[in-house]
Amino acid sequence: MRVTLSGRPSDSAADVVVVPFFADRKPGAGAIEAVADSGVDLVAAVRGTPSFRGAIDDAPVVIPPTSAKAPTIIVVGLGARTAVDPDAIRTAALRAGTIVRGRRRVAMALGQVGTDRAESVRAAVEGFMFGCFERPRPESKPRAAYESLPTSITVLVSADEAKAGPVREAVVRGQITAEHTNWVRTLTDMPPGHMTPTMLADEIKRDAQDAGVTVNVWSQKQIRERGFGGLLAVAKGSIEPPQVVELSYGDQTAPLGITGKGITFDSGGINLKKPMTEVHWMKSDMASAAAAAAAISAAARLGLDVGVRVILPLTENMPGGNATRPGDIAVHPNGMTTEVADTDCEGRVILADGIAYLVSVGASGVIDIGTLTDAAGYGPDLWAGASNDDSLMSEVLSAGYSAGDRGWQMPLVPGYVEMMRSPVADLVNGTISIIDSSVLAATYLREFAGTTPWVHMDTGSKAYITAPWAGWPAGATGSPLRTLLRLLESRAVS
C-alpha cells in the first residue's frame, strides 16, 4: 500500500475521502475543503444522520458519490474538540479502514486535527492501515474484487506541513508501524497447523534478514547446550521440534534484551485446557514472539541507532506419551530449577529460559512479553506490567501511552515469592492451592532477572481479543509491538 502526503486541500483522483467531525457535529480542519468538489453539502448530510453524534464510538457515516467521478465520503467521529489526541485519530481512521473495500485510492483529512501535526499524521496512517487488515485464509478461495483493499492513501495537510521533515518522517514511521503490526496479526491469526514452531521461525528469519537484522536459529544441540530446559520440557509432548530464534541489531556491548513467548498452539499439556471457548484460539499464544520480532525488524527498517537482542523460544504445548508430567523438573540456563506443577503455566517456563540467557550475555535490561494470564483484570485496552526497576518500567509505560498501546503497572510484593517455592526445586511454575494470577506469574519471572533491570508485560487480554473493541475486530491486535517500537525510538533519540 502506497502512502503519501499532499499539501493540496483535496485529491481529485481519490475514490474515497475520509473526513473528521467533532462531538458538536461540526467538521474538523480540512473536512469541508477535502470534499469541495464532491457536490455534497457535508454539514447537511451529517445533520441528516441522527444516529451520528460525532463521538469516537459512532459508526462512520458513508455518503455515496453524487456522480461517476465523485468520491464516496466517509465521516468519522473524533469526540469532544478539546479532547482530540492521536488515540482518537487512530481509532477514527481504523473505523474508516474497516469499511473501505473495492476502492483503490483513499484521501484522508484526519491528519489536520490535533495539536501535534506529526503525531496526528502518524496516527491517521497507522489507524487506517490497521483497519485494512485482512485475516489470513490459507487454502481458501481468493477474495472477490469487491473485497480488495485500497492501493494508495493520501494524507491531506497544508502546503507547508507537507514539506516539513517531522511530518514526512511521521508518514514513514506510521506506515512501518502499521505494516509490522499487521504482519504480527497475520502470523497470530494463522491456523496452528499452518504456523508450527519451524514455520514461525522461518517467517521471522525471512522478515528479519530482509530488514537487515542478524539472525541465528539455534540447532537442537545448541538449545540443549545453552540450557533451555524450560523450553525442552514444554516441547516434550509435541512431535514438532522446538526452535529458538536469536535476533540482534545495533551495538551489542550492553543491548536491551527482549524475550517473547512463542507457543504456536497451547493445549495445556497434561493439564489439558477445559473450556472449548478458550482452546480454539490458542493459536494466538505466539503473539508475543511475533511482536518482539516485528519490533526489532521495524527498528532496523527505520535505521534507529539502538542496540537490541531478542530471544524467541518457540514450541507447541501438547499432551502425549512423552509430555512433561506435573511434578517434573526443568533446569534453566542459570542453573535454577522449576517444578512444573501445572503444565498449562508453560509460558512463564520458557520465558524464564529467555530472561536467564539474556542476563547471562550481558543485557543492560530485559523485557519479557507473554500472553500468560487474563487475571490482571485490565481488559482489552491494557497490558499488565511488573518490574524490579522503576526507571525501566516508567520508560515502557510512557512508550505505550505515546503509541496508543497502553499498559498499567501491577504491584509486586517481595514476600509473594514464598508462595512460589518448591520442596523439590527452586521454584514452582504454578501454585495448586492459590488461584493463579498475573502477579504470581511476574513474581516467578522476577527471580530469573536477578539484579538486572527487568520488565514483564502480560498481554493475555490484549494481544488477541475475542470480541470487537474500540474499532478493532475480534482477533489479533499486534500488541505490544507499538510499545516496544516507541521505546526503541525514544532510546535512539536520547
Protein backbone atom coordinates (compact mmCIF):
# COMPACT_ATOMS: atom_id res chain seq x y z
CA MET A 1 0.00 0.00 0.00
CA ARG A 2 1.47 3.37 -1.06
CA VAL A 3 1.21 6.20 1.47
CA THR A 4 1.88 9.83 0.53
CA LEU A 5 1.43 13.38 1.83
CA SER A 6 -0.32 16.09 -0.13
CA GLY A 7 -0.26 19.83 0.51
CA ARG A 8 -3.37 20.35 -1.58
CA PRO A 9 -6.76 20.72 0.12
CA SER A 10 -8.25 17.79 -1.81
CA ASP A 11 -7.32 14.86 -4.02
CA SER A 12 -9.33 14.81 -7.24
CA ALA A 13 -8.23 11.26 -8.05
CA ALA A 14 -9.46 9.77 -4.76
CA ASP A 15 -12.23 7.17 -4.83
CA VAL A 16 -12.85 7.65 -1.11
CA VAL A 17 -12.37 10.70 1.13
CA VAL A 18 -12.27 10.33 4.91
CA VAL A 19 -13.17 13.45 6.92
CA PRO A 20 -13.42 14.20 10.67
CA PHE A 21 -16.32 15.61 12.70
CA PHE A 22 -16.40 16.54 16.37
CA ALA A 23 -18.96 15.81 19.06
CA ASP A 24 -20.58 19.20 18.40
CA ARG A 25 -21.40 17.80 14.92
CA LYS A 26 -19.13 20.34 13.30
CA PRO A 27 -16.41 19.45 10.80
CA GLY A 28 -12.74 19.22 11.72
CA ALA A 29 -9.99 21.14 9.97
CA GLY A 30 -9.75 20.33 6.29
CA ALA A 31 -13.02 18.38 6.12
CA ILE A 32 -15.01 20.87 4.01
CA GLU A 33 -12.08 21.58 1.69
CA ALA A 34 -11.42 17.88 1.11
CA VAL A 35 -14.89 17.34 -0.37
CA ALA A 36 -15.38 20.75 -2.01
CA ASP A 37 -15.71 19.26 -5.50
CA SER A 38 -17.92 16.32 -4.50
CA GLY A 39 -21.26 18.06 -4.90
CA VAL A 40 -22.17 17.18 -1.30
CA ASP A 41 -23.29 19.58 1.44
CA LEU A 42 -21.24 17.85 4.10
CA VAL A 43 -22.70 19.57 7.15
CA ALA A 44 -26.28 19.00 5.98
CA ALA A 45 -25.56 15.34 5.24
CA VAL A 46 -24.18 14.79 8.73
CA ARG A 47 -27.05 16.63 10.39
CA GLY A 48 -29.39 14.44 8.40
CA THR A 49 -27.96 11.35 10.11
CA PRO A 50 -29.43 11.44 13.65
CA SER A 51 -27.52 8.36 14.79
CA PHE A 52 -24.18 10.11 14.23
CA ARG A 53 -23.19 12.36 17.14
CA GLY A 54 -19.54 12.81 16.30
CA ALA A 55 -18.49 10.50 19.16
CA ILE A 56 -15.45 8.26 18.85
CA ASP A 57 -17.59 5.13 19.12
CA ASP A 58 -20.11 6.20 16.46
CA ALA A 59 -20.31 4.13 13.30
CA PRO A 60 -18.91 6.14 10.36
CA VAL A 61 -21.36 7.87 8.03
CA VAL A 62 -20.97 6.74 4.43
CA ILE A 63 -22.13 9.28 1.83
CA PRO A 64 -22.46 7.75 -1.66
CA PRO A 65 -20.92 9.52 -4.67
CA THR A 66 -23.11 12.05 -6.46
CA SER A 67 -21.68 11.17 -9.87
CA ALA A 68 -19.43 8.65 -11.59
CA LYS A 69 -16.37 10.81 -10.95
CA ALA A 70 -17.24 11.88 -7.41
CA PRO A 71 -15.78 10.08 -4.38
CA THR A 72 -17.51 8.19 -1.64
CA ILE A 73 -17.25 10.22 1.58
CA ILE A 74 -16.68 8.59 4.97
CA VAL A 75 -17.35 10.77 8.01
CA VAL A 76 -15.78 9.66 11.29
CA GLY A 77 -16.29 10.97 14.82
CA LEU A 78 -13.47 12.28 16.99
CA GLY A 79 -15.35 13.11 20.17
CA ALA A 80 -15.00 16.41 22.01
CA ARG A 81 -12.98 19.01 20.11
CA THR A 82 -10.91 19.88 23.19
CA ALA A 83 -10.01 16.25 23.90
CA VAL A 84 -8.82 15.11 20.49
CA ASP A 85 -5.50 13.28 20.67
CA PRO A 86 -3.63 10.77 18.48
CA ASP A 87 -5.60 7.90 20.04
CA ALA A 88 -8.88 9.41 18.85
CA ILE A 89 -7.46 9.99 15.37
CA ARG A 90 -6.07 6.45 15.21
CA THR A 91 -9.41 4.95 16.27
CA ALA A 92 -11.38 7.05 13.80
CA ALA A 93 -9.04 6.10 10.95
CA LEU A 94 -9.25 2.44 11.97
CA ARG A 95 -13.06 2.53 11.79
CA ALA A 96 -12.84 4.04 8.30
CA GLY A 97 -10.31 1.46 7.15
CA THR A 98 -12.52 -1.46 8.15
CA ILE A 99 -15.28 -0.42 5.75
CA VAL A 100 -13.24 0.54 2.68
CA ARG A 101 -13.18 -2.32 0.23
CA GLY A 102 -13.15 -2.41 -3.55
CA ARG A 103 -11.77 1.15 -3.90
CA ARG A 104 -8.24 1.91 -4.99
CA ARG A 105 -7.37 5.45 -3.82
CA VAL A 106 -8.18 6.98 -0.46
CA ALA A 107 -7.60 10.53 0.77
CA MET A 108 -7.80 11.49 4.46
CA ALA A 109 -8.15 14.86 6.17
CA LEU A 110 -7.62 13.29 9.61
CA GLY A 111 -4.03 14.47 9.92
CA GLN A 112 -5.11 18.11 10.17
CA VAL A 113 -6.72 17.87 13.60
CA GLY A 114 -4.94 17.73 16.96
CA THR A 115 -2.11 19.86 18.31
CA ASP A 116 0.88 17.81 17.11
CA ARG A 117 0.78 17.55 13.34
CA ALA A 118 3.37 14.80 13.06
CA GLU A 119 1.66 12.64 15.68
CA SER A 120 -1.75 13.23 14.06
CA VAL A 121 -0.47 12.18 10.65
CA ARG A 122 1.24 9.11 12.06
CA ALA A 123 -1.91 8.10 13.95
CA ALA A 124 -4.06 8.54 10.83
CA VAL A 125 -1.76 6.35 8.75
CA GLU A 126 -1.49 3.68 11.43
CA GLY A 127 -5.20 3.55 12.16
CA PHE A 128 -6.34 3.35 8.55
CA MET A 129 -3.86 0.59 7.75
CA PHE A 130 -4.91 -1.31 10.88
CA GLY A 131 -8.48 -1.13 9.59
CA CYS A 132 -7.42 -2.50 6.21
CA PHE A 133 -6.10 -5.70 7.77
CA GLU A 134 -7.36 -8.94 6.22
CA ARG A 135 -7.33 -12.08 8.33
CA PRO A 136 -5.42 -14.90 6.63
CA ARG A 137 -7.48 -17.62 4.96
CA PRO A 138 -4.99 -20.30 3.93
CA GLU A 139 -6.27 -22.72 1.29
CA SER A 140 -9.50 -20.72 0.82
CA LYS A 141 -10.62 -19.24 -2.48
CA PRO A 142 -9.21 -15.79 -3.38
CA ARG A 143 -11.27 -12.84 -2.21
CA ALA A 144 -13.63 -11.28 -4.73
CA ALA A 145 -12.66 -8.00 -6.42
CA TYR A 146 -15.22 -6.05 -4.41
CA GLU A 147 -13.36 -7.10 -1.24
CA SER A 148 -10.00 -5.77 -2.44
CA LEU A 149 -8.07 -3.28 -0.31
CA PRO A 150 -7.02 0.24 -1.37
CA THR A 151 -3.67 0.51 -3.10
CA SER A 152 -2.82 4.06 -2.02
CA ILE A 153 -3.51 6.50 0.80
CA THR A 154 -3.01 10.25 0.58
CA VAL A 155 -2.87 12.24 3.81
CA LEU A 156 -4.03 15.81 3.24
CA VAL A 157 -2.22 18.56 5.15
CA SER A 158 -1.29 22.19 4.45
CA ALA A 159 1.34 23.01 1.84
CA ASP A 160 3.90 23.96 4.48
CA GLU A 161 3.21 20.87 6.58
CA ALA A 162 3.68 18.61 3.57
CA LYS A 163 7.25 19.90 3.30
CA ALA A 164 8.09 19.66 6.99
CA GLY A 165 10.64 16.98 7.90
CA PRO A 166 8.90 15.71 11.05
CA VAL A 167 5.58 15.31 9.22
CA ARG A 168 7.19 13.50 6.32
CA GLU A 169 9.02 11.22 8.78
CA ALA A 170 5.72 10.58 10.55
CA VAL A 171 4.29 9.07 7.38
CA VAL A 172 7.24 6.65 7.13
CA ARG A 173 7.05 5.69 10.79
CA GLY A 174 3.29 5.27 10.67
CA GLN A 175 3.48 3.03 7.62
CA ILE A 176 6.28 0.85 9.01
CA THR A 177 4.48 0.55 12.35
CA ALA A 178 1.24 -0.46 10.65
CA GLU A 179 2.86 -2.91 8.26
CA HIS A 180 4.65 -4.68 11.10
CA THR A 181 1.56 -4.66 13.30
CA ASN A 182 -0.45 -6.30 10.53
CA TRP A 183 2.37 -8.80 9.96
CA VAL A 184 2.12 -9.80 13.63
CA ARG A 185 -1.67 -10.06 13.30
CA THR A 186 -1.30 -12.28 10.24
CA LEU A 187 1.10 -14.67 11.98
CA THR A 188 -1.04 -14.74 15.12
CA ASP A 189 -4.25 -15.45 13.23
CA MET A 190 -2.78 -18.28 11.14
CA PRO A 191 -4.21 -21.72 11.95
CA PRO A 192 -1.78 -23.65 14.17
CA GLY A 193 -1.21 -26.29 11.50
CA HIS A 194 -0.03 -23.52 9.18
CA MET A 195 2.21 -21.85 11.77
CA THR A 196 4.23 -24.55 13.55
CA PRO A 197 7.37 -23.60 15.52
CA THR A 198 9.55 -24.28 12.47
CA MET A 199 7.26 -22.30 10.18
CA LEU A 200 7.18 -19.38 12.60
CA ALA A 201 10.97 -19.43 12.89
CA ASP A 202 11.24 -19.37 9.09
CA GLU A 203 8.82 -16.41 8.82
CA ILE A 204 10.68 -14.44 11.48
CA LYS A 205 14.05 -15.21 9.91
CA ARG A 206 12.88 -14.13 6.46
CA ASP A 207 11.47 -10.81 7.65
CA ALA A 208 14.41 -10.01 9.95
CA GLN A 209 17.02 -10.70 7.28
CA ASP A 210 15.12 -8.51 4.82
CA ALA A 211 15.25 -5.73 7.42
CA GLY A 212 18.99 -6.09 7.99
CA VAL A 213 18.78 -7.81 11.37
CA THR A 214 21.31 -10.50 12.29
CA VAL A 215 19.50 -13.83 12.69
CA ASN A 216 20.61 -17.06 14.31
CA VAL A 217 18.21 -20.02 14.52
CA TRP A 218 19.69 -22.39 17.06
CA SER A 219 20.12 -26.08 16.36
CA GLN A 220 18.54 -28.63 18.69
CA LYS A 221 22.03 -29.30 20.07
CA GLN A 222 22.54 -25.60 20.82
CA ILE A 223 19.18 -25.39 22.59
CA ARG A 224 20.29 -28.19 24.90
CA GLU A 225 23.85 -26.93 25.38
CA ARG A 226 22.64 -23.43 26.25
CA GLY A 227 20.43 -24.84 28.95
CA PHE A 228 16.94 -24.09 27.68
CA GLY A 229 15.45 -26.81 29.86
CA GLY A 230 12.17 -24.96 30.29
CA LEU A 231 11.61 -24.92 26.53
CA LEU A 232 12.60 -28.56 26.19
CA ALA A 233 10.22 -29.55 29.00
CA VAL A 234 7.27 -27.79 27.37
CA ALA A 235 8.11 -29.21 23.93
CA LYS A 236 8.31 -32.86 25.00
CA GLY A 237 4.68 -33.71 24.25
CA SER A 238 4.77 -32.44 20.66
CA ILE A 239 6.13 -34.11 17.54
CA GLU A 240 7.19 -30.62 16.40
CA PRO A 241 10.77 -29.74 17.40
CA PRO A 242 11.22 -26.56 19.46
CA GLN A 243 13.02 -23.57 18.00
CA VAL A 244 15.00 -20.65 19.40
CA VAL A 245 15.43 -17.62 17.17
CA GLU A 246 18.07 -15.09 18.21
CA LEU A 247 17.88 -11.63 16.63
CA SER A 248 20.43 -8.85 17.15
CA TYR A 249 20.63 -5.32 15.84
CA GLY A 250 22.88 -2.37 16.64
CA ASP A 251 25.58 -2.16 19.31
CA GLN A 252 25.73 -5.45 21.22
CA THR A 253 28.02 -4.22 24.02
CA ALA A 254 25.13 -3.97 26.51
CA PRO A 255 21.95 -4.23 24.45
CA LEU A 256 18.37 -4.12 25.62
CA GLY A 257 17.20 -7.73 25.82
CA ILE A 258 13.71 -8.80 24.81
CA THR A 259 12.20 -12.25 25.01
CA GLY A 260 8.72 -13.22 23.84
CA LYS A 261 6.57 -16.26 24.44
CA GLY A 262 6.17 -18.31 21.26
CA ILE A 263 3.69 -21.12 21.93
CA THR A 264 2.26 -21.80 18.47
CA PHE A 265 -0.54 -23.88 19.98
CA ASP A 266 -1.33 -24.31 23.65
CA SER A 267 -3.47 -27.32 24.52
CA GLY A 268 -2.48 -27.03 28.17
CA GLY A 269 -0.34 -30.18 28.02
CA ILE A 270 -1.19 -32.88 30.55
CA ASN A 271 -3.22 -30.25 32.44
CA LEU A 272 -5.44 -30.08 29.38
CA LYS A 273 -7.47 -26.91 28.91
CA LYS A 274 -11.17 -27.47 29.51
CA PRO A 275 -13.25 -24.62 28.02
CA MET A 276 -13.64 -25.08 24.27
CA THR A 277 -14.24 -21.33 24.03
CA GLU A 278 -10.60 -20.85 25.02
CA VAL A 279 -8.85 -23.75 23.31
CA HIS A 280 -9.89 -22.86 19.79
CA TRP A 281 -7.96 -19.56 19.77
CA MET A 282 -4.81 -20.91 21.43
CA LYS A 283 -3.09 -20.47 18.07
CA SER A 284 -2.56 -16.92 19.36
CA ASP A 285 -0.19 -17.93 22.17
CA MET A 286 2.78 -16.99 19.98
CA ALA A 287 1.66 -13.36 19.59
CA SER A 288 4.37 -12.06 21.91
CA ALA A 289 7.21 -13.69 19.99
CA ALA A 290 5.86 -12.23 16.75
CA ALA A 291 5.56 -8.77 18.33
CA ALA A 292 9.13 -8.86 19.65
CA ALA A 293 10.44 -9.96 16.26
CA ALA A 294 8.48 -7.23 14.50
CA ALA A 295 9.81 -4.57 16.86
CA ILE A 296 13.46 -5.27 16.07
CA SER A 297 12.75 -5.52 12.32
CA ALA A 298 10.85 -2.23 12.36
CA ALA A 299 13.69 -0.58 14.29
CA ALA A 300 16.13 -1.78 11.65
CA ARG A 301 13.95 -0.53 8.79
CA LEU A 302 13.78 2.87 10.48
CA GLY A 303 17.56 2.85 10.92
CA LEU A 304 17.33 3.50 14.65
CA ASP A 305 20.63 3.84 16.49
CA VAL A 306 19.87 1.40 19.29
CA GLY A 307 21.24 -1.95 20.45
CA VAL A 308 18.75 -4.79 20.86
CA ARG A 309 18.97 -8.55 21.29
CA VAL A 310 15.84 -10.69 21.06
CA ILE A 311 15.49 -14.32 22.15
CA LEU A 312 12.39 -16.16 20.97
CA PRO A 313 11.67 -19.65 22.35
CA LEU A 314 9.10 -21.33 20.08
CA THR A 315 7.20 -24.58 20.64
CA GLU A 316 3.82 -26.25 20.92
CA ASN A 317 2.40 -27.31 24.29
CA MET A 318 0.78 -30.68 23.69
CA PRO A 319 -0.19 -33.80 25.64
CA GLY A 320 1.42 -37.08 24.64
CA GLY A 321 3.23 -40.15 25.85
CA ASN A 322 6.46 -38.18 26.26
CA ALA A 323 4.89 -34.99 27.64
CA THR A 324 6.20 -33.34 30.78
CA ARG A 325 4.20 -34.54 33.77
CA PRO A 326 3.03 -32.38 36.66
CA GLY A 327 5.81 -32.68 39.21
CA ASP A 328 8.65 -32.94 36.69
CA ILE A 329 11.67 -30.61 36.98
CA ALA A 330 13.06 -28.20 34.38
CA VAL A 331 16.57 -26.71 34.56
CA HIS A 332 17.15 -23.20 33.15
CA PRO A 333 20.27 -21.56 31.65
CA ASN A 334 21.35 -20.06 35.01
CA GLY A 335 21.06 -23.42 36.78
CA MET A 336 17.82 -22.54 38.58
CA THR A 337 15.19 -25.27 38.64
CA THR A 338 11.41 -25.23 38.26
CA GLU A 339 8.93 -27.82 39.42
CA VAL A 340 6.27 -27.95 36.71
CA ALA A 341 3.18 -28.24 38.89
CA ASP A 342 0.84 -27.06 36.12
CA THR A 343 1.73 -27.80 32.50
CA ASP A 344 -0.72 -25.09 31.42
CA CYS A 345 1.54 -22.47 33.05
CA GLU A 346 4.07 -23.16 30.32
CA GLY A 347 4.63 -19.63 29.02
CA ARG A 348 6.48 -18.44 32.08
CA VAL A 349 8.69 -21.56 31.98
CA ILE A 350 10.02 -20.78 28.51
CA LEU A 351 10.30 -17.05 29.28
CA ALA A 352 12.42 -17.96 32.30
CA ASP A 353 14.92 -19.50 29.86
CA GLY A 354 14.93 -16.34 27.75
CA ILE A 355 15.38 -14.00 30.72
CA ALA A 356 18.17 -16.06 32.28
CA TYR A 357 20.03 -16.31 28.97
CA LEU A 358 19.79 -12.57 28.22
CA VAL A 359 21.10 -11.76 31.69
CA SER A 360 24.00 -14.16 31.17
CA VAL A 361 25.09 -12.50 27.91
CA GLY A 362 25.16 -9.01 29.44
CA ALA A 363 21.85 -7.37 28.53
CA SER A 364 21.57 -3.93 30.15
CA GLY A 365 17.91 -4.59 30.82
CA VAL A 366 15.41 -7.31 29.96
CA ILE A 367 11.80 -7.10 28.84
CA ASP A 368 9.76 -10.30 28.70
CA ILE A 369 6.40 -10.50 26.96
CA GLY A 370 3.79 -13.20 27.14
CA THR A 371 0.11 -13.96 26.83
CA LEU A 372 0.27 -15.56 30.26
CA THR A 373 -2.97 -14.78 32.07
CA ASP A 374 -6.15 -12.72 31.91
CA ALA A 375 -6.11 -12.44 35.68
CA ALA A 376 -4.91 -8.83 35.91
CA GLY A 377 -8.47 -7.76 35.17
CA TYR A 378 -7.34 -4.98 32.85
CA GLY A 379 -9.46 -5.97 29.85
CA PRO A 380 -8.77 -5.47 26.12
CA ASP A 381 -7.30 -1.96 26.37
CA LEU A 382 -4.37 -2.51 28.76
CA TRP A 383 -1.46 -4.88 29.11
CA ALA A 384 -0.28 -5.63 32.63
CA GLY A 385 3.24 -4.63 33.63
CA ALA A 386 5.56 -5.53 36.51
CA SER A 387 9.16 -4.63 37.21
CA ASN A 388 12.11 -4.62 39.56
CA ASP A 389 13.24 -1.25 38.21
CA ASP A 390 11.09 1.91 38.36
CA SER A 391 13.09 3.69 35.65
CA LEU A 392 12.72 0.96 33.03
CA MET A 393 9.06 0.42 33.93
CA SER A 394 8.36 4.15 33.55
CA GLU A 395 10.11 4.13 30.18
CA VAL A 396 7.99 1.23 28.91
CA LEU A 397 4.72 2.70 30.23
CA SER A 398 5.49 6.06 28.62
CA ALA A 399 6.24 4.38 25.30
CA GLY A 400 2.91 2.54 25.46
CA TYR A 401 0.95 5.71 26.06
CA SER A 402 2.74 7.52 23.23
CA ALA A 403 1.95 4.63 20.89
CA GLY A 404 -1.70 4.23 21.89
CA ASP A 405 -0.83 0.75 23.20
CA ARG A 406 -1.29 1.38 26.90
CA GLY A 407 -0.32 -0.68 29.92
CA TRP A 408 -0.69 -0.44 33.67
CA GLN A 409 1.78 -1.44 36.37
CA MET A 410 0.91 -4.17 38.85
CA PRO A 411 2.37 -4.23 42.36
CA LEU A 412 4.93 -6.90 43.19
CA VAL A 413 5.08 -7.98 46.82
CA PRO A 414 8.53 -9.38 47.67
CA GLY A 415 7.09 -11.88 50.13
CA TYR A 416 4.89 -13.45 47.47
CA VAL A 417 7.90 -15.37 46.19
CA GLU A 418 7.43 -17.70 49.18
CA MET A 419 4.22 -18.88 47.52
CA MET A 420 6.33 -19.94 44.52
CA ARG A 421 8.82 -22.07 46.46
CA SER A 422 9.01 -25.80 45.80
CA PRO A 423 10.24 -28.52 48.16
CA VAL A 424 11.98 -30.25 45.23
CA ALA A 425 13.16 -27.28 43.11
CA ASP A 426 13.99 -23.58 43.40
CA LEU A 427 10.54 -22.50 42.21
CA VAL A 428 7.19 -23.90 41.17
CA ASN A 429 5.59 -22.60 38.00
CA GLY A 430 2.03 -22.59 39.29
CA THR A 431 0.54 -22.88 42.74
CA ILE A 432 -2.09 -25.55 43.33
CA SER A 433 -3.75 -24.15 46.44
CA ILE A 434 -3.81 -20.50 45.30
CA ILE A 435 -5.57 -19.17 42.19
CA ASP A 436 -3.01 -18.19 39.57
CA SER A 437 -2.68 -14.51 38.65
CA SER A 438 -0.60 -12.09 36.61
CA VAL A 439 1.12 -11.03 39.83
CA LEU A 440 2.21 -14.57 40.70
CA ALA A 441 3.45 -15.18 37.15
CA ALA A 442 5.51 -11.99 37.35
CA THR A 443 6.76 -12.95 40.82
CA TYR A 444 8.09 -16.20 39.38
CA LEU A 445 9.78 -14.49 36.42
CA ARG A 446 11.38 -11.78 38.53
CA GLU A 447 13.62 -14.40 40.16
CA PHE A 448 15.36 -15.08 36.84
CA ALA A 449 16.26 -11.41 36.26
CA GLY A 450 18.26 -11.10 39.47
CA THR A 451 19.61 -7.56 39.77
CA THR A 452 19.31 -6.80 36.04
CA PRO A 453 16.62 -4.16 35.33
CA TRP A 454 13.59 -6.12 34.16
CA VAL A 455 10.03 -5.51 32.98
CA HIS A 456 7.35 -8.13 32.47
CA MET A 457 4.46 -7.46 30.07
CA ASP A 458 1.42 -9.73 30.29
CA THR A 459 -0.73 -9.24 27.20
CA GLY A 460 -3.14 -12.08 27.87
CA SER A 461 -6.26 -9.98 27.48
CA LYS A 462 -5.00 -7.61 24.77
CA ALA A 463 -2.89 -9.39 22.14
CA TYR A 464 -5.91 -11.37 20.97
CA ILE A 465 -9.43 -10.13 21.68
CA THR A 466 -12.48 -12.37 21.41
CA ALA A 467 -14.98 -9.57 20.76
CA PRO A 468 -14.73 -6.25 18.87
CA TRP A 469 -13.31 -3.37 20.88
CA ALA A 470 -12.78 0.33 20.07
CA GLY A 471 -12.89 -0.27 16.33
CA TRP A 472 -10.72 -3.38 16.44
CA PRO A 473 -12.38 -6.54 15.14
CA ALA A 474 -12.14 -9.75 17.16
CA GLY A 475 -8.77 -11.39 16.66
CA ALA A 476 -5.12 -10.39 16.89
CA THR A 477 -4.16 -6.78 17.65
CA GLY A 478 -0.36 -6.89 17.35
CA SER A 479 0.13 -5.64 20.93
CA PRO A 480 2.64 -4.79 22.35
CA LEU A 481 4.65 -4.17 19.16
CA ARG A 482 3.83 -0.45 19.15
CA THR A 483 5.01 -0.07 22.74
CA LEU A 484 8.30 -1.81 22.00
CA LEU A 485 8.93 0.20 18.84
CA ARG A 486 8.21 3.52 20.56
CA LEU A 487 10.58 2.51 23.33
CA LEU A 488 13.33 1.84 20.80
CA GLU A 489 12.54 5.11 19.00
CA SER A 490 12.83 7.10 22.22
CA ARG A 491 16.12 5.40 23.11
CA ALA A 492 17.53 6.14 19.67
CA VAL A 493 16.75 9.86 20.09
CA SER A 494 18.10 10.23 23.62
